[in-house]
Amino acid sequence: MDDKKLKLMSWSVKLPSTYFTGLLMVSHPPVEGGCEFGWGKPYAIKDDHLLRSLCDYFEERMKKEQLEKGSLVWDSIYHTHTEFIELLRDRDYDMLHEYLRSMYSKPVTHGIAQGDFFYKNLIENKDDIRKNTEFAIYDKFLSLLEAVGTIPAFSPEEYQTNNNFLKYYAVDIDQYFDMLEDHFDCKIVAPAFQGNHFGIQTKRHGLFSDRDIMSLGTAIRIMETYWSKKDISIAEIGAGLGHLTYYLNIFGFKNFTHIEMPTIAVAAKYFIETNMPKVEVQHISQQEFDGKYDLVINIDGLSTFSKDVAVDYLSKTSKNANHFFSVNREFDEFRVFDLCDMRRISRNPFWYRRGYIEEDYVQGKRN
């Protein structure tokens, strides 16, 4: 443990933090020096064929959907996505290449995976936010190890009398990933191309952002407790860029449908094509979603939507899906449980983000 020169952090960020790094958002003693951090690598190749296909896809989506402010789909993001929309409409392949290869520092990923606001904060490092963000990411990784059982769950009661838990910080990060690979009998490597995404830099397993860790943990949860077979159909409402799909695919799942807004779907298609080109994902709109899947997933989404949109999604899911997996917060106008008519079989705190509730639903009478 001495080799890594671990020390308790001073924790200078005032609460509440704007990047979920305040003390209320973590689950372990704040320590620095446990591992290295870095920035995601951008995709180097300017692939005009890929960029052309993205513009074609966006054009086709826009024949069916409106961009006017006030629509249920676009109201909250229209202005922040204007630059990206113009690049797609103008088919400016040079600028699209530069935008998408470093998308984690752009407005299109804000609220999904870092985005421009948090990227600028990390670069400026005001109030030492980078160091605190480093620990917040590592804190999620410790939670992943606890969820799997690789290390015992931290107990504040024990920490009052000794600091034995600090020994888990001293284990090499790649060694922990080796242990996870041995446990699940598969190779676990982060997406190769995540331009300007901040995260844990391993030596042999890639760069893991907070989004990667939460998605890997959720994929493990689904794989371990939901399914003994991998040929099921999976639909994710608000799928973001596809991080959960990436890790579910590592565990053998192959049938994916994403329901997302057009601009985010374009960014997701780029992420998927550059990081897992052999994986086919169907991208559809809210209107095309019918709920007829073995498993429907929604993470950090439904409770933030307008109630009309959430009711539409949940009514189709309740009627037609075999299983529904939800991870959402509960301080908005409504909770997922208030609207879902399926039978809930479990409800637990989410391992990776305080205040979020993980719920499993199956077909049957609402309890």
Protein backbone atom coordinates (compact mmCIF):
# COMPACT_ATOMS: atom_id res chain seq x y z
CA MET A 1 0.00 0.00 0.00
CA ASP A 2 2.91 2.38 0.69
CA ASP A 3 4.05 2.17 -2.95
CA LYS A 4 1.02 4.12 -4.13
CA LYS A 5 1.39 6.87 -1.51
CA LEU A 6 -2.31 7.03 -0.76
CA LYS A 7 -3.66 9.87 1.35
CA LEU A 8 -7.03 11.14 2.46
CA MET A 9 -8.25 14.01 0.29
CA SER A 10 -8.93 17.47 1.65
CA TRP A 11 -12.18 17.55 -0.36
CA SER A 12 -12.27 21.20 -1.33
CA VAL A 13 -15.41 21.14 -3.50
CA LYS A 14 -18.33 22.94 -1.86
CA LEU A 15 -21.53 20.95 -1.60
CA PRO A 16 -23.56 20.31 -3.57
CA SER A 17 -21.09 19.77 -6.38
CA THR A 18 -22.10 20.46 -9.97
CA TYR A 19 -20.52 17.21 -11.18
CA PHE A 20 -21.81 14.74 -8.60
CA THR A 21 -18.46 14.76 -6.82
CA GLY A 22 -19.58 16.19 -3.48
CA LEU A 23 -19.27 14.04 -0.37
CA LEU A 24 -23.00 13.24 -0.40
CA MET A 25 -22.58 11.51 -3.76
CA VAL A 26 -19.80 9.05 -2.84
CA SER A 27 -19.79 5.89 -0.74
CA HIS A 28 -16.17 5.45 0.37
CA PRO A 29 -13.46 7.42 2.20
CA PRO A 30 -12.07 10.06 -0.21
CA VAL A 31 -8.53 9.03 -1.10
CA GLU A 32 -6.18 10.16 -3.87
CA GLY A 33 -3.28 8.32 -5.48
CA GLY A 34 -5.02 5.04 -6.20
CA CYS A 35 -4.71 5.06 -10.00
CA GLU A 36 -3.95 7.14 -13.09
CA PHE A 37 -6.45 9.25 -15.04
CA GLY A 38 -6.54 10.53 -18.58
CA TRP A 39 -8.61 11.55 -21.60
CA GLY A 40 -10.32 9.32 -24.13
CA LYS A 41 -8.70 8.84 -27.52
CA PRO A 42 -10.44 10.31 -30.60
CA TYR A 43 -11.12 8.21 -33.68
CA ALA A 44 -8.31 9.04 -36.10
CA ILE A 45 -9.82 8.08 -39.46
CA LYS A 46 -12.01 10.53 -41.34
CA ASP A 47 -14.52 8.05 -42.75
CA ASP A 48 -16.58 9.91 -45.36
CA HIS A 49 -18.75 6.86 -45.98
CA LEU A 50 -19.70 6.75 -42.29
CA LEU A 51 -20.25 10.50 -42.11
CA ARG A 52 -22.42 10.42 -45.23
CA SER A 53 -24.54 7.63 -43.75
CA LEU A 54 -25.03 9.68 -40.57
CA CYS A 55 -26.24 12.66 -42.57
CA ASP A 56 -28.55 10.40 -44.58
CA TYR A 57 -29.99 8.95 -41.37
CA PHE A 58 -30.56 12.40 -39.88
CA GLU A 59 -32.24 13.59 -43.07
CA GLU A 60 -34.62 10.62 -43.05
CA ARG A 61 -35.48 11.13 -39.36
CA MET A 62 -36.23 14.79 -40.01
CA LYS A 63 -38.78 13.90 -42.68
CA LYS A 64 -40.85 12.40 -39.86
CA GLU A 65 -39.96 14.62 -36.89
CA GLN A 66 -40.01 18.35 -36.23
CA LEU A 67 -37.27 20.53 -34.80
CA GLU A 68 -39.50 23.35 -33.61
CA LYS A 69 -39.08 24.44 -30.03
CA GLY A 70 -42.09 23.32 -28.06
CA SER A 71 -42.17 19.74 -29.34
CA LEU A 72 -41.95 17.06 -26.67
CA VAL A 73 -38.76 15.66 -28.18
CA TRP A 74 -36.75 18.78 -28.80
CA ASP A 75 -37.82 21.38 -26.27
CA SER A 76 -35.00 20.87 -23.77
CA ILE A 77 -32.07 20.49 -26.16
CA TYR A 78 -32.82 22.34 -29.39
CA HIS A 79 -30.56 25.36 -28.82
CA THR A 80 -27.59 23.40 -27.49
CA HIS A 81 -27.64 21.08 -30.53
CA THR A 82 -27.94 23.83 -33.15
CA GLU A 83 -24.29 23.67 -34.26
CA PHE A 84 -24.42 19.90 -34.67
CA ILE A 85 -27.71 20.09 -36.58
CA GLU A 86 -26.23 22.60 -39.00
CA LEU A 87 -23.18 20.42 -39.64
CA LEU A 88 -25.46 17.49 -40.44
CA ARG A 89 -27.71 19.53 -42.71
CA ASP A 90 -24.75 21.12 -44.52
CA ARG A 91 -23.00 17.74 -44.80
CA ASP A 92 -19.77 19.35 -43.69
CA TYR A 93 -17.77 16.15 -43.36
CA ASP A 94 -14.55 17.82 -42.21
CA MET A 95 -16.25 19.60 -39.34
CA LEU A 96 -18.46 16.62 -38.52
CA HIS A 97 -15.35 14.48 -38.24
CA GLU A 98 -13.76 16.91 -35.78
CA TYR A 99 -17.00 17.29 -33.82
CA LEU A 100 -17.79 13.60 -33.45
CA ARG A 101 -14.27 12.37 -32.79
CA SER A 102 -14.20 14.64 -29.71
CA MET A 103 -17.92 14.51 -28.92
CA TYR A 104 -17.41 14.21 -25.15
CA SER A 105 -16.33 17.85 -25.07
CA LYS A 106 -19.32 18.97 -27.20
CA PRO A 107 -22.90 20.03 -26.35
CA VAL A 108 -24.40 16.91 -27.99
CA THR A 109 -23.22 14.75 -25.07
CA HIS A 110 -24.19 17.14 -22.26
CA GLY A 111 -26.34 15.25 -19.77
CA ILE A 112 -25.46 11.94 -21.43
CA ALA A 113 -21.72 11.47 -21.06
CA GLN A 114 -19.73 14.45 -19.75
CA GLY A 115 -20.43 17.10 -22.43
CA ASP A 116 -19.00 20.55 -23.00
CA PHE A 117 -19.93 22.14 -19.66
CA PHE A 118 -18.21 19.55 -17.49
CA TYR A 119 -15.31 19.23 -19.92
CA LYS A 120 -14.58 22.95 -19.56
CA ASN A 121 -14.81 22.69 -15.79
CA LEU A 122 -12.35 19.82 -15.78
CA ILE A 123 -9.92 21.68 -18.03
CA GLU A 124 -10.13 24.85 -15.90
CA ASN A 125 -9.92 22.72 -12.73
CA LYS A 126 -11.69 25.37 -10.65
CA ASP A 127 -11.95 24.43 -6.96
CA ASP A 128 -9.76 21.40 -7.67
CA ILE A 129 -12.70 19.72 -9.40
CA ARG A 130 -10.49 17.37 -11.42
CA LYS A 131 -9.04 15.68 -8.35
CA ASN A 132 -12.47 15.35 -6.80
CA THR A 133 -13.91 14.01 -10.06
CA GLU A 134 -11.09 11.45 -10.19
CA PHE A 135 -12.12 10.08 -6.85
CA ALA A 136 -15.82 10.18 -7.70
CA ILE A 137 -15.09 7.95 -10.71
CA TYR A 138 -12.92 5.62 -8.66
CA ASP A 139 -15.64 5.57 -6.01
CA LYS A 140 -18.01 4.12 -8.62
CA PHE A 141 -15.38 1.53 -9.51
CA LEU A 142 -15.14 0.46 -5.86
CA SER A 143 -18.92 0.14 -5.85
CA LEU A 144 -18.69 -2.10 -8.93
CA LEU A 145 -16.20 -4.35 -7.13
CA GLU A 146 -18.51 -4.49 -4.11
CA ALA A 147 -21.56 -5.24 -6.27
CA VAL A 148 -19.76 -8.18 -7.87
CA GLY A 149 -18.26 -9.34 -4.56
CA THR A 150 -14.63 -8.85 -5.60
CA ILE A 151 -14.13 -6.84 -2.40
CA PRO A 152 -16.34 -6.66 0.70
CA ALA A 153 -18.77 -3.77 1.01
CA PHE A 154 -17.39 -0.79 2.89
CA SER A 155 -18.79 -0.32 6.40
CA PRO A 156 -18.63 3.10 8.09
CA GLU A 157 -18.88 1.23 11.40
CA GLU A 158 -15.57 -0.53 10.77
CA TYR A 159 -13.92 2.65 9.52
CA GLN A 160 -14.59 4.33 12.89
CA THR A 161 -12.06 2.03 14.53
CA ASN A 162 -9.54 1.27 11.76
CA ASN A 163 -8.71 2.12 8.14
CA ASN A 164 -8.26 -1.42 6.85
CA PHE A 165 -10.50 -0.64 3.89
CA LEU A 166 -7.75 1.54 2.41
CA LYS A 167 -5.87 -1.61 1.38
CA TYR A 168 -8.36 -2.03 -1.48
CA TYR A 169 -7.24 1.27 -2.99
CA ALA A 170 -3.69 -0.05 -3.24
CA VAL A 171 -4.48 -2.94 -5.60
CA ASP A 172 -3.43 -2.20 -9.19
CA ILE A 173 -6.47 -1.21 -11.27
CA ASP A 174 -5.57 -3.63 -14.08
CA GLN A 175 -5.32 -6.44 -11.54
CA TYR A 176 -8.89 -5.73 -10.49
CA PHE A 177 -10.02 -5.91 -14.11
CA ASP A 178 -8.12 -9.20 -14.47
CA MET A 179 -10.10 -10.49 -11.50
CA LEU A 180 -13.37 -9.39 -13.10
CA GLU A 181 -12.38 -11.11 -16.36
CA ASP A 182 -11.59 -14.32 -14.51
CA HIS A 183 -14.89 -14.11 -12.64
CA PHE A 184 -16.99 -13.67 -15.80
CA ASP A 185 -14.72 -15.60 -18.19
CA CYS A 186 -14.58 -12.84 -20.80
CA LYS A 187 -12.36 -9.97 -21.86
CA ILE A 188 -13.40 -6.60 -20.40
CA VAL A 189 -11.96 -3.65 -22.31
CA ALA A 190 -13.36 -0.12 -22.48
CA PRO A 191 -14.40 1.41 -25.83
CA ALA A 192 -11.26 2.36 -27.74
CA PHE A 193 -12.55 5.71 -29.00
CA GLN A 194 -14.09 8.21 -26.58
CA GLY A 195 -12.57 11.51 -27.65
CA ASN A 196 -11.96 13.86 -24.70
CA HIS A 197 -13.85 11.71 -22.21
CA PHE A 198 -12.26 11.85 -18.74
CA GLY A 199 -11.70 8.64 -16.84
CA ILE A 200 -9.48 6.04 -15.21
CA GLN A 201 -6.56 5.17 -17.49
CA THR A 202 -5.62 1.51 -17.20
CA LYS A 203 -2.58 -0.09 -18.79
CA ARG A 204 -4.30 -3.05 -20.44
CA HIS A 205 -8.05 -2.46 -20.34
CA GLY A 206 -8.56 1.02 -21.76
CA LEU A 207 -10.03 4.21 -20.30
CA PHE A 208 -13.07 3.93 -18.03
CA SER A 209 -15.23 7.00 -17.51
CA ASP A 210 -17.97 7.15 -14.90
CA ARG A 211 -20.40 6.25 -17.71
CA ASP A 212 -18.36 3.14 -18.55
CA ILE A 213 -18.32 1.95 -14.96
CA MET A 214 -22.06 2.45 -14.43
CA SER A 215 -22.82 0.76 -17.76
CA LEU A 216 -20.51 -2.17 -17.02
CA GLY A 217 -22.10 -2.60 -13.59
CA THR A 218 -25.61 -2.46 -15.05
CA ALA A 219 -24.70 -4.96 -17.77
CA ILE A 220 -23.39 -7.33 -15.09
CA ARG A 221 -26.61 -6.87 -13.11
CA ILE A 222 -28.73 -7.72 -16.14
CA MET A 223 -26.53 -10.64 -17.15
CA GLU A 224 -26.33 -12.17 -13.67
CA THR A 225 -29.88 -11.76 -12.42
CA TYR A 226 -32.08 -11.56 -15.48
CA TRP A 227 -31.06 -13.90 -18.23
CA SER A 228 -29.54 -17.32 -18.74
CA LYS A 229 -29.82 -16.94 -22.52
CA LYS A 230 -28.43 -14.19 -24.74
CA ASP A 231 -30.75 -14.22 -27.77
CA ILE A 232 -33.35 -11.96 -26.18
CA SER A 233 -34.54 -8.70 -27.75
CA ILE A 234 -33.49 -5.63 -25.73
CA ALA A 235 -34.85 -2.11 -26.17
CA GLU A 236 -33.36 0.83 -24.29
CA ILE A 237 -35.44 3.99 -23.89
CA GLY A 238 -33.05 6.94 -23.85
CA ALA A 239 -30.08 4.80 -24.83
CA GLY A 240 -27.61 7.67 -25.03
CA LEU A 241 -24.47 6.86 -26.97
CA GLY A 242 -24.64 3.12 -26.43
CA HIS A 243 -22.35 2.42 -23.49
CA LEU A 244 -24.74 -0.12 -21.95
CA THR A 245 -25.08 -1.84 -25.32
CA TYR A 246 -21.29 -2.01 -25.58
CA TYR A 247 -20.96 -3.86 -22.27
CA LEU A 248 -24.01 -6.06 -22.76
CA ASN A 249 -22.43 -7.16 -26.02
CA ILE A 250 -19.26 -8.13 -24.13
CA PHE A 251 -21.42 -10.60 -22.18
CA GLY A 252 -22.93 -12.05 -25.34
CA PHE A 253 -26.14 -10.10 -25.97
CA LYS A 254 -26.69 -9.14 -29.61
CA ASN A 255 -30.26 -7.96 -30.30
CA PHE A 256 -30.48 -4.23 -29.53
CA THR A 257 -32.91 -1.40 -30.24
CA HIS A 258 -32.25 2.20 -29.20
CA ILE A 259 -34.95 4.83 -28.76
CA GLU A 260 -33.39 8.29 -28.80
CA MET A 261 -33.64 11.82 -30.14
CA PRO A 262 -32.28 12.21 -33.70
CA THR A 263 -29.09 14.12 -32.87
CA ILE A 264 -28.14 11.79 -30.04
CA ALA A 265 -28.95 8.79 -32.24
CA VAL A 266 -26.50 10.15 -34.83
CA ALA A 267 -23.77 10.45 -32.19
CA ALA A 268 -24.63 6.93 -30.96
CA LYS A 269 -24.33 5.50 -34.46
CA TYR A 270 -20.85 7.04 -34.67
CA PHE A 271 -19.89 5.61 -31.25
CA ILE A 272 -21.17 2.17 -32.19
CA GLU A 273 -19.59 2.09 -35.65
CA THR A 274 -16.17 3.19 -34.38
CA ASN A 275 -16.12 1.04 -31.22
CA MET A 276 -18.13 -2.07 -32.15
CA PRO A 277 -18.63 -2.12 -35.93
CA LYS A 278 -19.83 -5.73 -36.00
CA VAL A 279 -22.76 -5.04 -33.65
CA GLU A 280 -26.05 -4.14 -35.31
CA VAL A 281 -28.32 -1.75 -33.44
CA GLN A 282 -31.75 -0.60 -34.61
CA HIS A 283 -32.42 3.09 -33.96
CA ILE A 284 -36.06 4.14 -33.72
CA SER A 285 -38.14 7.09 -32.53
CA GLN A 286 -40.60 7.30 -29.66
CA GLN A 287 -43.47 7.00 -32.14
CA GLU A 288 -42.04 3.75 -33.56
CA PHE A 289 -41.59 2.14 -30.15
CA ASP A 290 -44.28 -0.46 -29.43
CA GLY A 291 -42.87 -2.12 -26.31
CA LYS A 292 -42.78 -5.61 -27.86
CA TYR A 293 -39.42 -6.78 -26.50
CA ASP A 294 -38.15 -9.39 -24.08
CA LEU A 295 -36.50 -6.66 -22.01
CA VAL A 296 -37.07 -2.90 -21.97
CA ILE A 297 -34.52 -0.77 -20.11
CA ASN A 298 -34.58 2.84 -19.00
CA ILE A 299 -31.79 4.48 -17.01
CA ASP A 300 -31.92 8.08 -15.76
CA GLY A 301 -34.67 9.10 -18.12
CA LEU A 302 -38.38 8.51 -17.62
CA SER A 303 -38.82 10.54 -14.46
CA THR A 304 -37.17 13.52 -16.18
CA PHE A 305 -39.45 13.34 -19.25
CA SER A 306 -42.77 15.13 -19.48
CA LYS A 307 -45.50 13.02 -17.92
CA ASP A 308 -47.26 12.53 -21.28
CA VAL A 309 -44.09 11.08 -22.82
CA ALA A 310 -43.40 8.84 -19.83
CA VAL A 311 -46.99 7.54 -19.84
CA ASP A 312 -46.71 6.73 -23.54
CA TYR A 313 -43.51 4.74 -23.04
CA LEU A 314 -44.71 2.94 -19.91
CA SER A 315 -48.16 2.07 -21.25
CA LYS A 316 -46.59 0.38 -24.29
CA THR A 317 -44.00 -1.33 -22.10
CA SER A 318 -46.56 -2.48 -19.52
CA LYS A 319 -48.78 -3.91 -22.23
CA ASN A 320 -46.21 -5.63 -24.44
CA ALA A 321 -42.80 -6.18 -22.79
CA ASN A 322 -41.90 -9.33 -20.87
CA HIS A 323 -39.55 -7.52 -18.47
CA PHE A 324 -38.79 -3.91 -17.61
CA PHE A 325 -35.64 -2.69 -15.84
CA SER A 326 -35.63 0.88 -14.47
CA VAL A 327 -32.96 3.00 -12.78
CA ASN A 328 -34.36 6.45 -12.01
CA ARG A 329 -34.46 9.22 -9.44
CA GLU A 330 -37.60 10.04 -7.45
CA PHE A 331 -37.73 13.77 -6.72
CA ASP A 332 -39.48 14.82 -9.93
CA GLU A 333 -43.21 15.23 -10.64
CA PHE A 334 -43.72 11.47 -10.72
CA ARG A 335 -41.90 8.21 -10.08
CA VAL A 336 -41.64 5.28 -12.47
CA PHE A 337 -43.56 3.16 -9.96
CA ASP A 338 -46.45 5.65 -10.06
CA LEU A 339 -46.97 5.03 -13.79
CA CYS A 340 -45.87 1.46 -14.51
CA ASP A 341 -48.70 -1.12 -14.54
CA MET A 342 -46.42 -4.16 -14.45
CA ARG A 343 -45.73 -6.30 -11.35
CA ARG A 344 -42.64 -5.10 -9.51
CA ILE A 345 -40.46 -7.93 -8.23
CA SER A 346 -37.58 -5.96 -6.71
CA ARG A 347 -36.68 -2.43 -5.59
CA ASN A 348 -33.17 -1.51 -4.41
CA PRO A 349 -30.81 1.45 -4.22
CA PHE A 350 -28.64 1.75 -7.34
CA TRP A 351 -25.05 0.81 -6.53
CA TYR A 352 -23.45 3.60 -8.55
CA ARG A 353 -25.42 6.76 -7.85
CA ARG A 354 -27.09 7.78 -4.62
CA GLY A 355 -30.73 8.78 -4.87
CA TYR A 356 -31.41 6.48 -7.82
CA ILE A 357 -33.65 3.44 -7.46
CA GLU A 358 -33.25 0.20 -9.38
CA GLU A 359 -36.51 -1.65 -10.03
CA ASP A 360 -37.42 -4.88 -11.85
CA TYR A 361 -40.85 -5.38 -13.39
CA VAL A 362 -42.48 -8.37 -15.08
CA GLN A 363 -45.85 -9.02 -16.67
CA GLY A 364 -48.58 -9.51 -14.11
CA LYS A 365 -50.95 -7.66 -11.80
CA ARG A 366 -49.49 -4.46 -10.35
CA ASN A 367 -48.57 -4.80 -6.67
